[in-house]
Amino acid sequence: ENTWKGNHRNISISNCKDQSGIWHEIIKALKNNEKIAICVDSRDEGAKYGSFNLEQMIKEIFPSKKIARIDAHTVAEKGHFCRGATEDINAFIESENPDILI
């Protein structure tokens, strides 16, 4: 059961055919210093709006933002701050307080 009661994040849902709209929403929210959560269905480095590429694109524009990319790669990578995040996602979000959760 998800019992997390921390700060709320804006979440936008976009269809997979045209992700350009969601990119503009992400930029707008980050310029307004909003904390956001982005849900994607791909970590594939070849997918333009997959988690890996979104992280890289955001880092280029907002290098000081703390990004938590939670996918199969980061939760298993030794030394990565997202390692084990899925064991207690609520505690992870509360303790790490990322600006962007992917």
Protein backbone atom coordinates (compact mmCIF):
# COMPACT_ATOMS: atom_id res chain seq x y z
CA GLU A 1 0.00 0.00 0.00
CA ASN A 2 1.33 3.42 -0.95
CA THR A 3 1.02 5.60 2.14
CA TRP A 4 3.39 8.41 1.16
CA LYS A 5 1.97 11.82 2.13
CA GLY A 6 4.90 14.05 1.16
CA ASN A 7 4.98 16.93 -1.27
CA HIS A 8 2.90 16.40 -4.36
CA ARG A 9 4.39 16.46 -7.84
CA ASN A 10 2.81 17.44 -11.10
CA ILE A 11 2.37 14.49 -13.42
CA SER A 12 1.50 14.80 -17.09
CA ILE A 13 0.35 11.91 -19.21
CA SER A 14 1.04 11.94 -22.91
CA ASN A 15 0.40 9.43 -25.66
CA CYS A 16 3.42 7.64 -27.06
CA LYS A 17 2.89 8.89 -30.62
CA ASP A 18 3.85 12.52 -29.99
CA GLN A 19 5.96 13.27 -26.94
CA SER A 20 6.95 16.81 -27.97
CA GLY A 21 4.06 18.25 -25.94
CA ILE A 22 5.23 16.59 -22.77
CA TRP A 23 8.77 17.91 -23.31
CA HIS A 24 7.42 21.48 -23.33
CA GLU A 25 5.47 20.76 -20.12
CA ILE A 26 8.62 19.39 -18.46
CA ILE A 27 10.64 22.49 -19.38
CA LYS A 28 7.87 24.82 -18.21
CA ALA A 29 7.53 23.05 -14.85
CA LEU A 30 11.28 23.01 -14.22
CA LYS A 31 11.62 26.70 -15.08
CA ASN A 32 8.95 27.30 -12.41
CA ASN A 33 11.00 25.22 -9.93
CA GLU A 34 8.26 22.61 -9.65
CA LYS A 35 9.14 19.08 -8.60
CA ILE A 36 7.90 16.65 -11.22
CA ALA A 37 7.47 12.93 -11.84
CA ILE A 38 7.75 11.54 -15.36
CA CYS A 39 6.64 8.03 -16.23
CA VAL A 40 8.00 6.46 -19.41
CA ASP A 41 7.89 2.93 -20.73
CA SER A 42 11.45 2.72 -22.01
CA ARG A 43 15.01 3.05 -20.79
CA ASP A 44 16.22 2.23 -24.31
CA GLU A 45 18.99 4.66 -25.21
CA GLY A 46 17.59 4.70 -28.76
CA ALA A 47 14.16 5.93 -27.65
CA LYS A 48 14.05 9.72 -27.94
CA TYR A 49 11.89 10.11 -24.84
CA GLY A 50 13.07 7.03 -22.93
CA SER A 51 14.24 7.48 -19.35
CA PHE A 52 17.95 7.56 -20.22
CA ASN A 53 17.58 10.22 -22.94
CA LEU A 54 15.14 12.31 -20.91
CA GLU A 55 17.65 12.38 -18.07
CA GLN A 56 20.43 13.49 -20.44
CA MET A 57 18.24 16.13 -22.12
CA ILE A 58 17.17 17.57 -18.77
CA LYS A 59 20.76 17.59 -17.45
CA GLU A 60 21.86 19.66 -20.46
CA ILE A 61 19.32 22.39 -19.74
CA PHE A 62 19.11 22.12 -15.93
CA PRO A 63 22.49 20.76 -14.72
CA SER A 64 21.82 21.65 -11.08
CA LYS A 65 18.52 19.74 -10.82
CA LYS A 66 18.61 16.47 -8.90
CA ILE A 67 17.27 13.73 -11.15
CA ALA A 68 16.29 10.30 -9.85
CA ARG A 69 16.01 7.95 -12.82
CA ILE A 70 14.57 4.77 -11.39
CA ASP A 71 14.85 1.92 -13.84
CA ALA A 72 16.32 -1.58 -13.98
CA HIS A 73 19.79 -0.16 -14.58
CA THR A 74 20.00 2.45 -11.81
CA VAL A 75 18.39 0.38 -9.04
CA ALA A 76 20.96 -2.38 -9.62
CA GLU A 77 24.07 -0.22 -10.20
CA LYS A 78 26.54 -0.31 -7.32
CA GLY A 79 27.13 3.16 -5.95
CA HIS A 80 24.17 4.79 -7.74
CA PHE A 81 22.00 6.78 -5.34
CA CYS A 82 18.88 5.09 -6.79
CA ARG A 83 20.18 1.62 -5.96
CA GLY A 84 17.49 -0.18 -3.98
CA ALA A 85 15.00 2.69 -4.40
CA THR A 86 12.16 0.31 -5.19
CA GLU A 87 12.53 -1.49 -1.86
CA ASP A 88 10.76 1.46 -0.20
CA ILE A 89 9.96 4.08 -2.81
CA ASN A 90 8.22 6.34 -0.29
CA ALA A 91 11.26 6.47 1.99
CA PHE A 92 13.52 7.00 -1.03
CA ILE A 93 11.53 10.00 -2.29
CA GLU A 94 11.33 11.48 1.21
CA SER A 95 15.06 11.10 1.92
CA GLU A 96 16.49 11.96 -1.52
CA ASN A 97 13.89 14.62 -2.43
CA PRO A 98 14.73 14.69 -6.14
CA ASP A 99 13.60 17.59 -8.32
CA ILE A 100 12.75 15.17 -11.13
CA LEU A 101 11.63 11.59 -10.69
CA ILE A 102 11.79 9.48 -13.85
